[in-house]
Amino acid sequence: MLLRWALIFLVISIVAALFGFGGIAAASAGIAKLLFYIFIALFVLTLVLGLFLGRRLSGH
């Protein structure tokens, strides 16, 4: 039973090493960074629009 789990974790670690040592990790980090900046920009935009439109709709 324990030998089976050891072999399963060995295969998982080999697959993770192949993905980690290849270019996939760097590409994923680049995509994550791009999405982070896009969502920060959308957050600021909706925050500003919400403040201005919220005041206009409430009558102040």
PDB file of N, CA and C in Angstrom:
ATOM      1  N   MET A   1       0.827  -1.202   0.000  1.00  0.00           N
ATOM      2  CA  MET A   1       0.000   0.000   0.000  1.00  0.00           C
ATOM      3  C   MET A   1       0.871   1.265   0.000  1.00  0.00           C
ATOM      4  N   LEU A   2       1.856   1.304   0.872  1.00  0.00           N
ATOM      5  CA  LEU A   2       2.719   2.487   0.925  1.00  0.00           C
ATOM      6  C   LEU A   2       3.599   2.596  -0.314  1.00  0.00           C
ATOM      7  N   LEU A   3       4.011   1.452  -0.851  1.00  0.00           N
ATOM      8  CA  LEU A   3       4.816   1.477  -2.072  1.00  0.00           C
ATOM      9  C   LEU A   3       4.012   2.035  -3.238  1.00  0.00           C
ATOM     10  N   ARG A   4       2.739   1.730  -3.264  1.00  0.00           N
ATOM     11  CA  ARG A   4       1.865   2.268  -4.316  1.00  0.00           C
ATOM     12  C   ARG A   4       1.780   3.787  -4.227  1.00  0.00           C
ATOM     13  N   TRP A   5       1.600   4.318  -3.009  1.00  0.00           N
ATOM     14  CA  TRP A   5       1.545   5.770  -2.835  1.00  0.00           C
ATOM     15  C   TRP A   5       2.875   6.425  -3.195  1.00  0.00           C
ATOM     16  N   ALA A   6       3.968   5.770  -2.854  1.00  0.00           N
ATOM     17  CA  ALA A   6       5.290   6.310  -3.190  1.00  0.00           C
ATOM     18  C   ALA A   6       5.460   6.400  -4.705  1.00  0.00           C
ATOM     19  N   LEU A   7       5.004   5.377  -5.424  1.00  0.00           N
ATOM     20  CA  LEU A   7       5.102   5.416  -6.883  1.00  0.00           C
ATOM     21  C   LEU A   7       4.192   6.488  -7.485  1.00  0.00           C
ATOM     22  N   ILE A   8       3.008   6.667  -6.920  1.00  0.00           N
ATOM     23  CA  ILE A   8       2.100   7.711  -7.410  1.00  0.00           C
ATOM     24  C   ILE A   8       2.728   9.089  -7.235  1.00  0.00           C
ATOM     25  N   PHE A   9       3.309   9.332  -6.053  1.00  0.00           N
ATOM     26  CA  PHE A   9       3.941  10.629  -5.814  1.00  0.00           C
ATOM     27  C   PHE A   9       5.199  10.812  -6.654  1.00  0.00           C
ATOM     28  N   LEU A  10       5.885   9.721  -6.975  1.00  0.00           N
ATOM     29  CA  LEU A  10       7.042   9.810  -7.861  1.00  0.00           C
ATOM     30  C   LEU A  10       6.616  10.274  -9.250  1.00  0.00           C
ATOM     31  N   VAL A  11       5.552   9.690  -9.762  1.00  0.00           N
ATOM     32  CA  VAL A  11       5.063  10.078 -11.093  1.00  0.00           C
ATOM     33  C   VAL A  11       4.582  11.528 -11.076  1.00  0.00           C
ATOM     34  N   ILE A  12       3.868  11.925 -10.027  1.00  0.00           N
ATOM     35  CA  ILE A  12       3.388  13.311  -9.926  1.00  0.00           C
ATOM     36  C   ILE A  12       4.562  14.279  -9.872  1.00  0.00           C
ATOM     37  N   SER A  13       5.601  13.943  -9.133  1.00  0.00           N
ATOM     38  CA  SER A  13       6.752  14.844  -9.027  1.00  0.00           C
ATOM     39  C   SER A  13       7.515  14.936 -10.350  1.00  0.00           C
ATOM     40  N   ILE A  14       7.578  13.844 -11.095  1.00  0.00           N
ATOM     41  CA  ILE A  14       8.254  13.892 -12.394  1.00  0.00           C
ATOM     42  C   ILE A  14       7.474  14.773 -13.367  1.00  0.00           C
ATOM     43  N   VAL A  15       6.157  14.639 -13.379  1.00  0.00           N
ATOM     44  CA  VAL A  15       5.329  15.471 -14.258  1.00  0.00           C
ATOM     45  C   VAL A  15       5.452  16.944 -13.853  1.00  0.00           C
ATOM     46  N   ALA A  16       5.425  17.214 -12.550  1.00  0.00           N
ATOM     47  CA  ALA A  16       5.566  18.604 -12.084  1.00  0.00           C
ATOM     48  C   ALA A  16       6.934  19.162 -12.451  1.00  0.00           C
ATOM     49  N   ALA A  17       7.969  18.360 -12.382  1.00  0.00           N
ATOM     50  CA  ALA A  17       9.305  18.820 -12.754  1.00  0.00           C
ATOM     51  C   ALA A  17       9.381  19.133 -14.246  1.00  0.00           C
ATOM     52  N   LEU A  18       8.744  18.307 -15.057  1.00  0.00           N
ATOM     53  CA  LEU A  18       8.750  18.575 -16.504  1.00  0.00           C
ATOM     54  C   LEU A  18       8.067  19.896 -16.820  1.00  0.00           C
ATOM     55  N   PHE A  19       6.940  20.160 -16.145  1.00  0.00           N
ATOM     56  CA  PHE A  19       6.251  21.431 -16.376  1.00  0.00           C
ATOM     57  C   PHE A  19       7.016  22.598 -15.772  1.00  0.00           C
ATOM     58  N   GLY A  20       7.606  22.398 -14.624  1.00  0.00           N
ATOM     59  CA  GLY A  20       8.315  23.479 -13.937  1.00  0.00           C
ATOM     60  C   GLY A  20       9.613  23.869 -14.610  1.00  0.00           C
ATOM     61  N   PHE A  21      10.324  22.878 -15.134  1.00  0.00           N
ATOM     62  CA  PHE A  21      11.612  23.171 -15.736  1.00  0.00           C
ATOM     63  C   PHE A  21      11.485  23.600 -17.190  1.00  0.00           C
ATOM     64  N   GLY A  22      10.319  23.419 -17.758  1.00  0.00           N
ATOM     65  CA  GLY A  22      10.101  23.853 -19.135  1.00  0.00           C
ATOM     66  C   GLY A  22       9.694  25.310 -19.168  1.00  0.00           C
ATOM     67  N   GLY A  23       9.226  25.749 -20.303  1.00  0.00           N
ATOM     68  CA  GLY A  23       8.825  27.142 -20.453  1.00  0.00           C
ATOM     69  C   GLY A  23       7.402  27.410 -19.996  1.00  0.00           C
ATOM     70  N   ILE A  24       6.709  26.364 -19.560  1.00  0.00           N
ATOM     71  CA  ILE A  24       5.310  26.533 -19.187  1.00  0.00           C
ATOM     72  C   ILE A  24       5.167  27.410 -17.945  1.00  0.00           C
ATOM     73  N   ALA A  25       6.067  27.260 -16.981  1.00  0.00           N
ATOM     74  CA  ALA A  25       5.983  28.046 -15.752  1.00  0.00           C
ATOM     75  C   ALA A  25       6.195  29.533 -16.038  1.00  0.00           C
ATOM     76  N   ALA A  26       7.155  29.851 -16.877  1.00  0.00           N
ATOM     77  CA  ALA A  26       7.413  31.258 -17.206  1.00  0.00           C
ATOM     78  C   ALA A  26       6.250  31.859 -17.987  1.00  0.00           C
ATOM     79  N   ALA A  27       5.689  31.086 -18.897  1.00  0.00           N
ATOM     80  CA  ALA A  27       4.553  31.586 -19.671  1.00  0.00           C
ATOM     81  C   ALA A  27       3.341  31.808 -18.767  1.00  0.00           C
ATOM     82  N   SER A  28       3.118  30.911 -17.834  1.00  0.00           N
ATOM     83  CA  SER A  28       1.995  31.059 -16.908  1.00  0.00           C
ATOM     84  C   SER A  28       2.178  32.285 -16.018  1.00  0.00           C
ATOM     85  N   ALA A  29       3.394  32.535 -15.591  1.00  0.00           N
ATOM     86  CA  ALA A  29       3.655  33.712 -14.766  1.00  0.00           C
ATOM     87  C   ALA A  29       3.426  34.992 -15.561  1.00  0.00           C
ATOM     88  N   GLY A  30       3.811  35.000 -16.820  1.00  0.00           N
ATOM     89  CA  GLY A  30       3.589  36.174 -17.662  1.00  0.00           C
ATOM     90  C   GLY A  30       2.111  36.440 -17.878  1.00  0.00           C
ATOM     91  N   ILE A  31       1.348  35.385 -18.117  1.00  0.00           N
ATOM     92  CA  ILE A  31      -0.097  35.534 -18.305  1.00  0.00           C
ATOM     93  C   ILE A  31      -0.753  36.015 -17.015  1.00  0.00           C
ATOM     94  N   ALA A  32      -0.324  35.475 -15.879  1.00  0.00           N
ATOM     95  CA  ALA A  32      -0.888  35.889 -14.594  1.00  0.00           C
ATOM     96  C   ALA A  32      -0.590  37.364 -14.318  1.00  0.00           C
ATOM     97  N   LYS A  33       0.597  37.814 -14.666  1.00  0.00           N
ATOM     98  CA  LYS A  33       0.958  39.217 -14.455  1.00  0.00           C
ATOM     99  C   LYS A  33       0.108  40.129 -15.340  1.00  0.00           C
ATOM    100  N   LEU A  34      -0.096  39.739 -16.588  1.00  0.00           N
ATOM    101  CA  LEU A  34      -0.921  40.520 -17.504  1.00  0.00           C
ATOM    102  C   LEU A  34      -2.360  40.607 -17.003  1.00  0.00           C
ATOM    103  N   LEU A  35      -2.920  39.482 -16.583  1.00  0.00           N
ATOM    104  CA  LEU A  35      -4.292  39.484 -16.066  1.00  0.00           C
ATOM    105  C   LEU A  35      -4.413  40.323 -14.798  1.00  0.00           C
ATOM    106  N   PHE A  36      -3.382  40.300 -13.954  1.00  0.00           N
ATOM    107  CA  PHE A  36      -3.388  41.112 -12.745  1.00  0.00           C
ATOM    108  C   PHE A  36      -3.511  42.593 -13.091  1.00  0.00           C
ATOM    109  N   TYR A  37      -2.720  43.067 -14.043  1.00  0.00           N
ATOM    110  CA  TYR A  37      -2.770  44.485 -14.420  1.00  0.00           C
ATOM    111  C   TYR A  37      -4.100  44.846 -15.082  1.00  0.00           C
ATOM    112  N   ILE A  38      -4.638  43.947 -15.878  1.00  0.00           N
ATOM    113  CA  ILE A  38      -5.929  44.212 -16.512  1.00  0.00           C
ATOM    114  C   ILE A  38      -7.022  44.350 -15.463  1.00  0.00           C
ATOM    115  N   PHE A  39      -7.041  43.439 -14.485  1.00  0.00           N
ATOM    116  CA  PHE A  39      -8.086  43.497 -13.468  1.00  0.00           C
ATOM    117  C   PHE A  39      -7.910  44.676 -12.516  1.00  0.00           C
ATOM    118  N   ILE A  40      -6.681  45.090 -12.260  1.00  0.00           N
ATOM    119  CA  ILE A  40      -6.469  46.301 -11.452  1.00  0.00           C
ATOM    120  C   ILE A  40      -7.012  47.519 -12.193  1.00  0.00           C
ATOM    121  N   ALA A  41      -6.751  47.603 -13.500  1.00  0.00           N
ATOM    122  CA  ALA A  41      -7.252  48.729 -14.291  1.00  0.00           C
ATOM    123  C   ALA A  41      -8.782  48.721 -14.323  1.00  0.00           C
ATOM    124  N   LEU A  42      -9.391  47.561 -14.491  1.00  0.00           N
ATOM    125  CA  LEU A  42     -10.852  47.480 -14.488  1.00  0.00           C
ATOM    126  C   LEU A  42     -11.437  47.843 -13.123  1.00  0.00           C
ATOM    127  N   PHE A  43     -10.757  47.455 -12.061  1.00  0.00           N
ATOM    128  CA  PHE A  43     -11.218  47.803 -10.721  1.00  0.00           C
ATOM    129  C   PHE A  43     -11.213  49.307 -10.500  1.00  0.00           C
ATOM    130  N   VAL A  44     -10.116  49.960 -10.881  1.00  0.00           N
ATOM    131  CA  VAL A  44     -10.023  51.413 -10.712  1.00  0.00           C
ATOM    132  C   VAL A  44     -11.066  52.109 -11.578  1.00  0.00           C
ATOM    133  N   LEU A  45     -11.258  51.633 -12.808  1.00  0.00           N
ATOM    134  CA  LEU A  45     -12.239  52.236 -13.703  1.00  0.00           C
ATOM    135  C   LEU A  45     -13.654  52.123 -13.133  1.00  0.00           C
ATOM    136  N   THR A  46     -14.022  50.941 -12.665  1.00  0.00           N
ATOM    137  CA  THR A  46     -15.369  50.784 -12.114  1.00  0.00           C
ATOM    138  C   THR A  46     -15.529  51.530 -10.793  1.00  0.00           C
ATOM    139  N   LEU A  47     -14.460  51.657 -10.033  1.00  0.00           N
ATOM    140  CA  LEU A  47     -14.532  52.428  -8.792  1.00  0.00           C
ATOM    141  C   LEU A  47     -14.801  53.900  -9.085  1.00  0.00           C
ATOM    142  N   VAL A  48     -14.080  54.464 -10.049  1.00  0.00           N
ATOM    143  CA  VAL A  48     -14.265  55.875 -10.408  1.00  0.00           C
ATOM    144  C   VAL A  48     -15.649  56.094 -11.013  1.00  0.00           C
ATOM    145  N   LEU A  49     -16.050  55.219 -11.929  1.00  0.00           N
ATOM    146  CA  LEU A  49     -17.376  55.354 -12.531  1.00  0.00           C
ATOM    147  C   LEU A  49     -18.477  55.183 -11.491  1.00  0.00           C
ATOM    148  N   GLY A  50     -18.287  54.271 -10.562  1.00  0.00           N
ATOM    149  CA  GLY A  50     -19.277  54.074  -9.511  1.00  0.00           C
ATOM    150  C   GLY A  50     -19.416  55.285  -8.608  1.00  0.00           C
ATOM    151  N   LEU A  51     -18.296  55.940  -8.326  1.00  0.00           N
ATOM    152  CA  LEU A  51     -18.359  57.139  -7.490  1.00  0.00           C
ATOM    153  C   LEU A  51     -19.075  58.274  -8.205  1.00  0.00           C
ATOM    154  N   PHE A  52     -18.729  58.494  -9.485  1.00  0.00           N
ATOM    155  CA  PHE A  52     -19.356  59.606 -10.218  1.00  0.00           C
ATOM    156  C   PHE A  52     -20.813  59.312 -10.557  1.00  0.00           C
ATOM    157  N   LEU A  53     -21.104  58.105 -11.037  1.00  0.00           N
ATOM    158  CA  LEU A  53     -22.482  57.784 -11.400  1.00  0.00           C
ATOM    159  C   LEU A  53     -23.351  57.602 -10.163  1.00  0.00           C
ATOM    160  N   GLY A  54     -22.770  57.134  -9.083  1.00  0.00           N
ATOM    161  CA  GLY A  54     -23.524  56.991  -7.851  1.00  0.00           C
ATOM    162  C   GLY A  54     -23.986  58.334  -7.309  1.00  0.00           C
ATOM    163  N   ARG A  55     -23.115  59.322  -7.392  1.00  0.00           N
ATOM    164  CA  ARG A  55     -23.506  60.658  -6.938  1.00  0.00           C
ATOM    165  C   ARG A  55     -24.551  61.267  -7.867  1.00  0.00           C
ATOM    166  N   ARG A  56     -24.394  61.028  -9.163  1.00  0.00           N
ATOM    167  CA  ARG A  56     -25.352  61.582 -10.120  1.00  0.00           C
ATOM    168  C   ARG A  56     -26.726  60.953  -9.937  1.00  0.00           C
ATOM    169  N   LEU A  57     -26.779  59.657  -9.687  1.00  0.00           N
ATOM    170  CA  LEU A  57     -28.059  58.981  -9.534  1.00  0.00           C
ATOM    171  C   LEU A  57     -28.719  59.305  -8.194  1.00  0.00           C
ATOM    172  N   SER A  58     -27.922  59.597  -7.177  1.00  0.00           N
ATOM    173  CA  SER A  58     -28.516  59.893  -5.864  1.00  0.00           C
ATOM    174  C   SER A  58     -28.947  61.353  -5.749  1.00  0.00           C
ATOM    175  N   GLY A  59     -28.550  62.201  -6.688  1.00  0.00           N
ATOM    176  CA  GLY A  59     -28.994  63.583  -6.689  1.00  0.00           C
ATOM    177  C   GLY A  59     -28.083  64.557  -5.971  1.00  0.00           C
ATOM    178  N   HIS A  60     -26.897  64.148  -5.594  1.00  0.00           N
ATOM    179  CA  HIS A  60     -25.981  65.077  -4.886  1.00  0.00           C
ATOM    180  C   HIS A  60     -25.148  65.835  -5.856  1.00  0.00           C
TER     181      HIS A  60
END
